[in-house]
Protein backbone atom coordinates (compact mmCIF):
# COMPACT_ATOMS: atom_id res chain seq x y z
CA MET A 1 -28.84 -33.13 119.92
CA SER A 2 -30.57 -36.10 121.08
CA ASP A 3 -30.49 -39.41 119.05
CA LEU A 4 -34.22 -38.88 118.14
CA PHE A 5 -33.71 -35.49 116.64
CA ALA A 6 -30.45 -36.49 114.78
CA LYS A 7 -32.53 -39.40 113.25
CA VAL A 8 -35.04 -36.96 112.06
CA ARG A 9 -32.45 -34.68 110.44
CA SER A 10 -30.95 -37.79 108.71
CA ALA A 11 -34.26 -39.30 107.48
CA PHE A 12 -36.02 -36.11 106.38
CA GLY A 13 -32.94 -33.77 105.40
CA ASP A 14 -34.54 -30.51 104.00
CA TYR A 15 -37.90 -31.47 105.36
CA ALA A 16 -36.59 -31.47 109.06
CA VAL A 17 -37.11 -28.16 110.89
CA ASP A 18 -35.96 -27.24 114.31
CA LYS A 19 -39.22 -26.45 116.12
CA SER A 20 -37.53 -24.58 118.91
CA LEU A 21 -36.61 -21.77 116.58
CA LYS A 22 -40.46 -20.76 116.16
CA ASN A 23 -40.41 -19.74 119.77
CA GLU A 24 -37.16 -17.91 119.67
CA ALA A 25 -38.10 -16.06 116.54
CA ASP A 26 -41.45 -14.91 118.17
CA LEU A 27 -43.79 -15.85 115.31
CA THR A 28 -46.63 -16.82 117.29
CA ARG A 29 -48.85 -14.43 115.47
CA LEU A 30 -48.58 -16.32 112.22
CA PRO A 31 -50.08 -19.84 111.64
CA GLY A 32 -47.49 -22.47 112.53
CA PHE A 33 -47.09 -23.88 108.97
CA VAL A 34 -46.68 -20.14 107.54
CA ALA A 35 -43.87 -19.38 110.24
CA GLU A 36 -42.06 -22.65 109.53
CA TYR A 37 -41.86 -22.09 105.90
CA LEU A 38 -40.47 -18.57 106.45
CA MET A 39 -37.86 -19.83 108.90
CA THR A 40 -36.70 -22.52 106.40
CA GLU A 41 -36.47 -19.81 103.47
CA PHE A 42 -34.67 -17.33 105.41
CA SER A 43 -32.42 -19.79 107.19
CA LEU A 44 -31.33 -21.04 103.85
CA GLU A 45 -30.73 -17.62 102.39
CA ASP A 46 -28.68 -16.30 105.40
CA PRO A 47 -27.72 -18.84 108.02
CA ASN A 48 -26.00 -16.42 110.39
CA ASN A 49 -28.51 -13.45 110.21
CA TRP A 50 -31.77 -15.07 109.23
CA MET A 51 -33.64 -14.53 112.65
CA SER A 52 -33.26 -10.76 112.70
CA LYS A 53 -34.12 -10.40 109.05
CA LEU A 54 -37.25 -12.69 109.48
CA ARG A 55 -38.43 -10.70 112.27
CA ASP A 56 -38.04 -7.45 110.13
CA PHE A 57 -39.82 -9.08 107.29
CA VAL A 58 -42.74 -10.05 109.55
CA LYS A 59 -42.85 -6.66 111.31
CA LYS A 60 -42.81 -4.94 107.92
CA TYR A 61 -45.53 -6.99 106.17
CA TYR A 62 -47.81 -8.75 108.66
CA PHE A 63 -50.58 -6.42 110.27
CA ASP A 64 -53.05 -7.22 112.77
CA ALA A 65 -56.82 -6.86 112.12
CA SER A 66 -57.01 -3.63 114.27
CA GLU A 67 -54.53 -1.97 111.87
CA LYS A 68 -57.03 -2.35 108.85
CA GLU A 69 -57.61 1.41 108.48
CA TYR A 70 -53.84 2.29 108.77
CA VAL A 71 -53.10 -0.39 106.05
CA LYS A 72 -55.83 1.28 103.74
CA HIS A 73 -54.44 4.55 104.30
CA LYS A 74 -50.89 3.45 103.34
CA LEU A 75 -52.27 1.62 100.02
CA VAL A 76 -54.25 4.95 99.07
CA THR A 77 -51.47 7.42 99.78
CA GLU A 78 -48.47 5.24 98.55
CA GLY A 79 -50.38 3.47 95.91
CA THR A 80 -49.04 0.03 96.65
CA ILE A 81 -48.39 -2.32 99.67
CA LYS A 82 -47.42 -5.73 100.44
CA LEU A 83 -49.02 -7.95 103.07
CA ILE A 84 -48.67 -11.38 104.61
CA ASP A 85 -52.12 -12.60 104.46
CA GLU A 86 -54.44 -15.49 103.26
CA LEU A 87 -55.48 -14.89 99.79
CA ARG A 88 -58.99 -16.36 98.52
CA VAL A 89 -60.41 -16.01 95.16
CA TRP A 90 -63.92 -16.34 93.85
CA VAL A 91 -65.52 -16.13 90.39
CA ASP A 92 -68.20 -13.55 89.68
CA ILE A 93 -70.09 -15.79 87.17
CA ASP A 94 -72.15 -12.71 85.83
CA THR A 95 -68.99 -10.99 84.47
CA GLY A 96 -66.62 -14.02 84.32
CA GLU A 97 -64.18 -11.98 86.46
CA HIS A 98 -62.11 -13.21 89.32
CA LYS A 99 -62.48 -11.44 92.83
CA ALA A 100 -60.00 -11.91 95.77
CA VAL A 101 -60.85 -11.82 99.38
CA VAL A 102 -58.08 -9.99 101.37
CA PRO A 103 -58.91 -10.34 105.01
CA THR A 104 -56.23 -7.76 106.49
CA ILE A 105 -58.17 -4.93 104.56
CA GLY A 106 -61.58 -6.34 104.73
CA GLU A 107 -62.15 -6.33 101.06
CA ASN A 108 -63.94 -9.35 99.14
CA ASN A 109 -63.99 -8.05 95.70
CA VAL A 110 -60.45 -7.00 94.90
CA ARG A 111 -59.58 -7.55 91.28
CA ILE A 112 -57.07 -10.12 90.54
CA PRO A 113 -55.63 -11.25 86.98
CA LYS A 114 -56.32 -14.73 85.83
CA ASP A 115 -52.63 -15.56 85.35
CA ILE A 116 -52.06 -15.23 89.09
CA VAL A 117 -55.10 -17.40 89.72
CA ASN A 118 -53.85 -19.97 87.15
CA LYS A 119 -50.53 -20.09 88.83
CA ASN A 120 -52.03 -20.62 92.37
CA PRO A 121 -55.37 -22.66 91.83
CA MET A 122 -55.61 -23.39 95.54
CA THR A 123 -56.82 -19.85 95.94
CA LEU A 124 -60.05 -20.95 94.62
CA VAL A 125 -60.36 -23.86 96.92
CA THR A 126 -59.21 -23.38 100.34
CA GLY A 127 -57.33 -20.03 100.11
CA MET A 128 -53.50 -19.67 100.24
CA TRP A 129 -50.94 -17.64 102.75
CA GLY A 130 -48.45 -15.71 100.87
CA LEU A 131 -47.02 -12.37 100.32
CA ILE A 132 -49.70 -10.20 98.53
CA THR A 133 -48.77 -7.02 96.47
CA LEU A 134 -51.81 -4.61 96.28
CA GLN A 135 -52.00 -1.54 94.07
CA TYR A 136 -54.36 1.17 94.34
CA SER A 137 -55.47 2.04 90.84
CA PRO A 138 -58.78 4.00 90.63
CA GLU A 139 -57.94 5.25 87.11
CA SER A 140 -57.94 1.81 85.66
CA VAL A 141 -61.52 1.05 86.98
CA ARG A 142 -64.46 0.54 84.35
CA LYS A 143 -67.27 3.23 85.04
CA ASP A 144 -70.91 3.30 83.83
CA ASP A 145 -72.29 6.01 81.47
CA MET A 146 -72.73 8.39 84.69
CA GLY A 147 -68.90 7.97 85.56
CA ASN A 148 -69.82 5.74 88.77
CA PRO A 149 -67.03 3.10 89.32
CA LEU A 150 -68.13 -0.47 88.44
CA GLU A 151 -65.23 -2.13 90.08
CA ASN A 152 -62.91 -2.19 93.09
CA PRO A 153 -60.14 0.20 92.76
CA ILE A 154 -57.64 -2.34 94.44
CA VAL A 155 -55.76 -4.94 92.32
CA VAL A 156 -53.69 -7.80 93.18
CA THR A 157 -50.40 -7.42 91.21
CA GLU A 158 -48.24 -10.05 92.57
CA PHE A 159 -48.66 -13.10 94.91
CA LYS A 160 -45.72 -15.19 96.46
CA PRO A 161 -47.13 -18.47 98.11
CA PHE A 162 -45.68 -19.86 101.47
CA GLN A 163 -45.98 -23.60 100.76
CA ALA A 164 -44.00 -26.72 100.38
CA PRO A 165 -42.83 -27.62 96.94
CA THR A 166 -44.15 -31.06 97.15
CA SER A 167 -46.76 -33.15 98.64
CA ASP A 168 -45.32 -36.52 97.90
CA PRO A 169 -46.31 -39.13 100.62
CA LYS A 170 -43.21 -41.27 99.53
CA ILE A 171 -40.98 -39.05 101.51
CA LEU A 172 -42.96 -39.57 104.77
CA ALA A 173 -43.27 -43.22 103.98
CA GLU A 174 -39.51 -43.61 103.29
CA GLY A 175 -38.74 -41.53 106.48
CA ARG A 176 -40.98 -43.66 108.67
CA GLU A 177 -38.93 -46.87 108.08
CA ASN A 178 -36.14 -45.30 110.28
CA PHE A 179 -38.11 -45.23 113.58
CA SER A 180 -40.04 -47.71 115.92
CA LEU A 181 -43.63 -47.04 116.67
CA ILE A 182 -42.83 -45.12 119.79
CA GLU A 183 -40.13 -43.19 118.09
CA TRP A 184 -42.56 -42.25 115.43
CA LEU A 185 -45.11 -40.97 117.88
CA ASP A 186 -42.55 -38.71 119.20
CA VAL A 187 -41.42 -37.60 115.86
CA LEU A 188 -45.31 -36.53 115.09
CA ILE A 189 -45.38 -34.95 118.54
CA ASN A 190 -42.50 -32.68 117.80
CA THR A 191 -43.79 -32.19 114.19
CA ILE A 192 -46.84 -30.43 115.51
CA GLY A 193 -44.92 -28.38 118.21
CA TYR A 194 -45.05 -30.27 121.37
CA ASN A 195 -42.29 -31.81 123.57
CA HIS A 196 -42.80 -35.46 123.51
CA GLU A 197 -41.26 -36.08 126.84
CA VAL A 198 -44.40 -34.36 128.38
CA TYR A 199 -46.57 -37.35 127.24
CA SER A 200 -45.01 -40.22 129.36
CA ASN A 201 -46.54 -43.41 127.83
CA PRO A 202 -47.65 -44.70 124.48
CA LYS A 203 -51.32 -44.39 125.16
CA ARG A 204 -50.98 -40.61 126.08
CA LYS A 205 -48.90 -39.94 123.03
CA LEU A 206 -51.50 -41.41 120.82
CA THR A 207 -54.40 -39.64 122.53
CA LEU A 208 -52.42 -36.38 121.75
CA ILE A 209 -51.68 -37.42 118.07
CA SER A 210 -55.32 -38.56 117.48
CA ARG A 211 -56.13 -34.77 116.95
CA LEU A 212 -54.83 -35.25 113.63
CA LEU A 213 -56.97 -38.14 112.42
CA PRO A 214 -59.75 -35.68 111.04
CA LEU A 215 -57.09 -34.15 108.89
CA ILE A 216 -55.99 -37.43 107.17
CA GLU A 217 -59.25 -39.51 106.62
CA ASP A 218 -62.34 -38.17 104.71
CA GLY A 219 -65.49 -37.90 106.80
CA LEU A 220 -64.07 -38.80 110.01
CA HIS A 221 -66.21 -36.84 112.57
CA ILE A 222 -64.54 -36.39 115.94
CA VAL A 223 -65.46 -34.92 119.40
CA GLU A 224 -63.05 -34.03 122.00
CA PHE A 225 -63.85 -32.67 125.58
CA GLY A 226 -61.18 -31.75 128.02
CA PRO A 227 -60.07 -28.91 130.45
CA LYS A 228 -59.05 -25.72 129.34
CA ALA A 229 -55.44 -25.12 128.31
CA THR A 230 -54.74 -28.52 126.85
CA GLY A 231 -54.12 -27.27 123.35
CA LYS A 232 -57.36 -28.59 121.79
CA THR A 233 -57.51 -25.68 119.23
CA TYR A 234 -53.71 -25.25 118.95
CA ILE A 235 -53.12 -28.12 116.48
CA TYR A 236 -55.88 -27.18 114.06
CA ARG A 237 -54.88 -23.62 113.90
CA ASN A 238 -51.19 -24.23 113.64
CA VAL A 239 -50.79 -27.56 111.59
CA SER A 240 -53.01 -27.13 108.49
CA ARG A 241 -54.20 -24.51 106.07
CA TYR A 242 -57.03 -26.75 105.25
CA THR A 243 -59.19 -26.02 108.29
CA ARG A 244 -61.58 -23.64 109.47
CA ILE A 245 -62.09 -22.90 113.11
CA ILE A 246 -65.42 -21.38 114.22
CA VAL A 247 -64.96 -20.22 117.97
CA GLY A 248 -68.50 -19.89 119.58
CA GLY A 249 -70.66 -17.22 117.77
CA THR A 250 -73.38 -17.59 115.33
CA ILE A 251 -73.32 -20.21 112.57
CA THR A 252 -75.62 -19.94 109.54
CA PRO A 253 -76.67 -22.55 106.75
CA ALA A 254 -74.90 -19.76 104.30
CA SER A 255 -71.41 -19.79 105.98
CA LEU A 256 -71.50 -23.70 106.62
CA PHE A 257 -73.13 -25.15 103.82
CA TYR A 258 -73.79 -22.73 100.81
CA ASN A 259 -74.64 -19.21 100.28
CA LEU A 260 -77.68 -19.19 97.79
CA ARG A 261 -77.38 -15.52 97.31
CA THR A 262 -73.61 -15.08 96.58
CA GLY A 263 -73.22 -18.62 95.01
CA MET A 264 -70.12 -19.01 97.33
CA PRO A 265 -69.84 -22.51 98.94
CA GLY A 266 -69.76 -22.59 102.68
CA GLU A 267 -66.79 -23.97 104.90
CA ILE A 268 -67.95 -27.59 104.70
CA ALA A 269 -67.69 -27.76 100.96
CA ILE A 270 -64.12 -26.55 100.84
CA ARG A 271 -62.27 -27.49 103.90
CA ASP A 272 -60.66 -30.69 105.24
CA SER A 273 -62.04 -30.12 108.42
CA VAL A 274 -64.33 -27.67 110.22
CA ILE A 275 -63.77 -27.08 113.97
CA PHE A 276 -66.45 -25.99 116.38
CA ASP A 277 -64.36 -24.58 119.28
CA GLU A 278 -66.34 -23.97 122.52
CA ILE A 279 -69.20 -25.82 121.24
CA ALA A 280 -71.35 -24.74 124.08
CA LYS A 281 -71.26 -21.08 122.89
CA VAL A 282 -72.33 -21.65 119.21
CA LYS A 283 -75.66 -20.24 118.53
CA MET A 284 -77.98 -21.33 115.40
CA PRO A 285 -80.54 -18.81 114.16
CA ASN A 286 -81.85 -21.63 111.97
CA PRO A 287 -81.18 -24.66 114.11
CA ASP A 288 -83.75 -27.10 112.48
CA GLU A 289 -82.16 -26.60 108.98
CA ILE A 290 -78.67 -26.73 110.25
CA VAL A 291 -78.87 -29.86 112.33
CA ALA A 292 -80.82 -31.83 109.65
CA LYS A 293 -78.30 -30.68 107.13
CA LEU A 294 -75.40 -31.92 109.45
CA LYS A 295 -76.88 -35.14 110.01
CA ASP A 296 -77.22 -35.74 106.35
CA PHE A 297 -73.73 -34.79 105.58
CA MET A 298 -72.25 -36.62 108.51
CA GLU A 299 -73.88 -40.00 107.16
CA SER A 300 -73.52 -39.53 103.30
CA GLY A 301 -70.73 -36.98 102.60
CA GLN A 302 -73.52 -35.01 100.76
CA PHE A 303 -75.79 -32.07 101.43
CA GLU A 304 -78.37 -30.05 99.40
CA ARG A 305 -79.25 -26.47 99.62
CA GLY A 306 -81.75 -24.78 97.32
CA LYS A 307 -80.81 -26.32 93.92
CA GLN A 308 -77.26 -27.19 94.89
CA LYS A 309 -75.93 -30.57 95.64
CA VAL A 310 -72.46 -30.62 97.30
CA THR A 311 -70.26 -33.72 97.97
CA SER A 312 -67.42 -33.14 100.38
CA GLY A 313 -64.95 -35.06 102.34
CA CYS A 314 -64.78 -32.57 105.24
CA SER A 315 -64.38 -33.87 108.87
CA MET A 316 -66.38 -32.11 111.69
CA VAL A 317 -64.64 -31.67 114.81
CA ILE A 318 -66.37 -30.52 117.94
CA LEU A 319 -64.38 -29.20 120.88
CA GLY A 320 -65.67 -28.28 124.21
CA ASN A 321 -64.36 -27.61 127.78
CA VAL A 322 -65.30 -29.84 130.73
CA GLU A 323 -64.83 -29.67 134.35
CA VAL A 324 -62.75 -32.66 135.58
CA GLU A 325 -61.70 -33.87 138.97
CA LEU A 326 -58.72 -36.32 140.03
CA GLN A 327 -59.65 -39.95 140.90
CA GLY A 328 -56.68 -41.95 141.85
CA ASP A 329 -54.04 -40.94 139.50
CA VAL A 330 -56.32 -39.87 136.46
CA PHE A 331 -58.69 -37.09 135.85
CA ILE A 332 -62.28 -37.88 134.68
CA PRO A 333 -65.12 -35.51 133.56
CA VAL A 334 -67.46 -34.52 136.25
CA GLU A 335 -70.16 -33.01 133.71
CA ASP A 336 -72.61 -34.74 131.49
CA MET A 337 -71.27 -34.33 127.93
CA THR A 338 -74.81 -33.83 126.53
CA TYR A 339 -75.19 -30.54 128.13
CA LEU A 340 -71.97 -29.35 126.69
CA LEU A 341 -73.59 -29.30 123.41
CA PRO A 342 -76.01 -26.47 122.21
CA GLN A 343 -79.47 -27.44 122.56
CA PRO A 344 -80.23 -28.27 118.96
CA MET A 345 -77.28 -30.67 118.99
CA ARG A 346 -78.55 -32.86 121.81
CA ASP A 347 -79.76 -35.42 119.31
CA SER A 348 -78.96 -39.10 119.50
CA ALA A 349 -79.15 -39.36 115.76
CA LEU A 350 -76.43 -36.66 115.53
CA ILE A 351 -74.31 -38.04 118.30
CA ASP A 352 -74.44 -41.39 116.62
CA ARG A 353 -72.64 -40.13 113.59
CA ILE A 354 -69.80 -39.00 115.34
CA GLY A 355 -66.75 -41.36 114.94
CA GLY A 356 -65.16 -41.28 118.26
CA ILE A 357 -64.53 -39.29 121.20
CA ILE A 358 -60.93 -38.11 122.31
CA PRO A 359 -60.49 -38.16 126.05
CA GLY A 360 -58.87 -34.73 126.23
CA TRP A 361 -59.30 -34.92 130.10
CA GLU A 362 -56.24 -37.33 130.11
CA LEU A 363 -53.95 -34.86 128.69
CA PRO A 364 -51.69 -32.55 130.79
CA LYS A 365 -52.43 -28.76 130.56
CA ILE A 366 -49.93 -26.72 128.48
CA GLY A 367 -47.74 -24.80 130.98
CA LYS A 368 -44.20 -23.24 130.11
CA SER A 369 -43.08 -23.19 126.59
CA LYS A 370 -39.66 -24.47 127.65
CA GLN A 371 -41.32 -27.28 129.15
CA HIS A 372 -44.31 -28.32 126.90
CA LEU A 373 -43.14 -27.03 123.55
CA SER A 374 -40.76 -28.85 121.21
CA HIS A 375 -37.20 -28.15 121.66
CA GLY A 376 -35.85 -30.25 118.71
CA TYR A 377 -36.52 -31.45 115.23
CA GLY A 378 -39.65 -32.53 113.63
CA ILE A 379 -41.11 -32.62 110.07
CA ALA A 380 -41.78 -29.27 108.35
CA LEU A 381 -45.48 -28.40 108.85
CA ASP A 382 -45.90 -27.15 105.32
CA TYR A 383 -45.13 -30.49 103.81
CA PHE A 384 -46.65 -32.40 106.52
CA SER A 385 -49.97 -30.62 106.00
CA GLU A 386 -49.90 -31.03 102.23
CA VAL A 387 -49.09 -34.78 102.74
CA MET A 388 -52.04 -35.25 104.98
CA HIS A 389 -54.39 -33.51 102.59
CA THR A 390 -53.11 -35.66 99.89
CA MET A 391 -53.54 -38.83 101.91
CA LYS A 392 -56.91 -37.92 103.21
CA LYS A 393 -58.74 -39.04 99.96
CA ASP A 394 -57.16 -42.41 99.97
CA THR A 395 -59.04 -44.45 102.60
CA LEU A 396 -58.04 -47.89 103.61
CA THR A 397 -61.35 -48.69 105.21
CA ASN A 398 -61.87 -51.47 102.41
CA GLU A 399 -58.76 -53.06 103.57
CA ILE A 400 -59.56 -53.20 107.31
CA SER A 401 -61.55 -56.39 107.17
CA LYS A 402 -58.35 -58.17 105.99
CA TYR A 403 -56.65 -57.42 109.25
CA ILE A 404 -59.39 -57.38 112.06
CA GLU A 405 -62.79 -58.93 112.62
CA LEU A 406 -65.33 -56.98 114.86
CA GLY A 407 -67.65 -58.79 117.20
CA ASN A 408 -71.29 -59.41 116.44
CA ASN A 409 -72.73 -56.62 118.57
CA VAL A 410 -71.68 -53.78 116.39
CA THR A 411 -74.17 -51.60 114.25
CA ILE A 412 -73.26 -50.53 110.80
CA ARG A 413 -72.28 -47.03 112.30
CA ASP A 414 -70.01 -48.74 114.69
CA GLU A 415 -68.32 -50.54 112.00
CA LYS A 416 -68.04 -47.62 109.64
CA ALA A 417 -66.59 -45.34 112.35
CA ILE A 418 -64.15 -48.06 113.63
CA LYS A 419 -62.76 -48.78 110.08
CA LYS A 420 -62.33 -44.94 109.55
CA LEU A 421 -60.42 -44.40 112.62
CA VAL A 422 -58.21 -47.54 112.03
CA SER A 423 -57.53 -46.28 108.48
CA ALA A 424 -56.55 -42.95 109.73
CA LEU A 425 -54.29 -44.24 112.29
CA MET A 426 -52.73 -46.42 109.85
CA LYS A 427 -51.99 -43.64 107.32
CA LEU A 428 -50.61 -41.49 110.20
CA LEU A 429 -48.68 -44.27 112.12
CA PHE A 430 -47.64 -46.64 109.13
CA PRO A 431 -47.45 -44.62 105.85
CA ASN A 432 -45.27 -47.43 104.71
CA LEU A 433 -47.96 -49.72 105.54
CA GLN A 434 -45.50 -51.98 107.38
CA PHE A 435 -46.74 -53.01 110.77
CA ASP A 436 -47.04 -56.33 112.91
CA ASN A 437 -49.80 -57.62 114.95
CA SER A 438 -48.90 -56.27 118.22
CA GLU A 439 -48.88 -52.72 116.60
CA LEU A 440 -52.30 -53.44 114.91
CA LYS A 441 -53.93 -54.48 118.09
CA PHE A 442 -52.60 -51.26 119.81
CA ILE A 443 -54.20 -48.88 117.17
CA THR A 444 -57.34 -51.05 116.99
CA GLU A 445 -57.95 -51.02 120.68
CA PHE A 446 -57.50 -47.24 120.68
CA ALA A 447 -59.93 -46.90 117.82
CA ILE A 448 -62.54 -48.97 119.50
CA GLU A 449 -62.07 -47.05 122.85
CA MET A 450 -62.95 -43.99 121.01
CA ARG A 451 -66.18 -45.41 119.51
CA GLN A 452 -67.07 -47.12 122.73
CA ARG A 453 -67.37 -43.75 124.49
CA VAL A 454 -69.92 -42.71 121.64
CA ARG A 455 -71.89 -45.90 122.44
CA GLU A 456 -71.82 -45.20 126.23
CA TRP A 457 -73.03 -41.63 125.52
CA LEU A 458 -75.77 -42.98 123.31
CA HIS A 459 -76.81 -45.40 125.94
CA LYS A 460 -76.94 -42.82 128.62
CA LEU A 461 -79.21 -40.83 126.26
CA SER A 462 -81.51 -43.53 124.99
CA PRO A 463 -80.87 -46.76 127.01
CA GLY A 464 -83.57 -48.64 125.43
CA GLU A 465 -82.30 -47.97 121.90
CA PHE A 466 -78.60 -48.25 122.33
CA GLN A 467 -76.77 -51.09 124.09
CA LYS A 468 -73.80 -50.45 126.53
CA ASP A 469 -72.00 -53.67 125.81
CA LYS A 470 -68.30 -53.73 124.93
CA ILE A 471 -67.15 -53.85 121.32
CA SER A 472 -64.99 -56.86 120.75
CA PHE A 473 -62.44 -57.65 118.00
CA VAL A 474 -60.12 -60.39 116.71
CA ILE A 475 -56.77 -59.80 114.68
CA LYS A 476 -56.65 -62.15 111.83
CA GLY A 477 -53.54 -64.05 111.10
């Protein structure tokens, strides 16, 4: 075992996980944080035979979407079934009853007792992954005077969540004190499932880790363009249960903001981050309303739809594939980023609200798992996800002016974006808030480079309105 992995085990104890086991256990169908939770539980119960038992458990209880009718058949014929799935609950305000959404069987009005909801309140907010026990009980359904059923015959009778027992950031802060900045970057890279040795220099390591910034800072909107197969979506799908990934397809005001018909809040209202993957393929049936509301939300953290006014700290992430070519020893994009966006989003006012651009073209493509994926210890994802969710609301933006002074050529949006980026980097890299001036300069330069790419994009779109000059800064003290 390497010195780094030994230090991770020593510093984080039960919250250290051998990331290589996930690939050996073949749990790639499950979100990463769910797979790691189950690995930890099973390995503690039976250190010698946990892998085979875990595989049997997943094979027995996890079903693909294509098996929906088979699962419903088993439920109807056997009367009860257990599923590994994400459980989300909504309240029928007309009846006061709670209804569960169970994706595996395609049902969104499954009955669920209030005591299960009370024990698991996050099912009402973002949804929770766990082992769901369903019962087919048509005899218990209320009926009208004509004998017609008024309720779904399916009932949730039990729910065992898969999540960390704590989200205390102190564990992260105390563990951080055992590592240098470069070592900590390597710990984070292994934590999200990658092999730190592939990312050869500190700048490249930080570029990879910057994908986490929207998950740890409210209202930090990010764009990443890069070649295919560089892992742009992998992190958001596997690291946090507080994200929603929208891959191409059609988005509507109801799904994104608020459904006036059902009274259900949209994804922006309930998620830490909404990710538009393959942004070029996104379609908008009502583009004027969506773009106007996006601009309002990205600026203020609020939006209105109908009579509903919603405040949210959701961070927007836009991902797109870009063609690159090798110039010298680095890759650079050869496409105009503007035309990677759908037509309605090619708006300088919208782009100006983007905090920064991650240069995904600088990252290597993901190749063989033995080479590119982690082969050692990192922090348990279920705990790490909860910590980022907890830390997201405690911004350090008001503290940034104590440490750095920006040049006179910045706009209000530049200043806001840079402070959010530095705040996110501080929380991620220095959770104990211990850093020196050279480390502060390193992350500030990176944050300004992210924002500088937005400025250069804006200048290309509207050279008369947006200047191309470089953003400068000074470290205080």
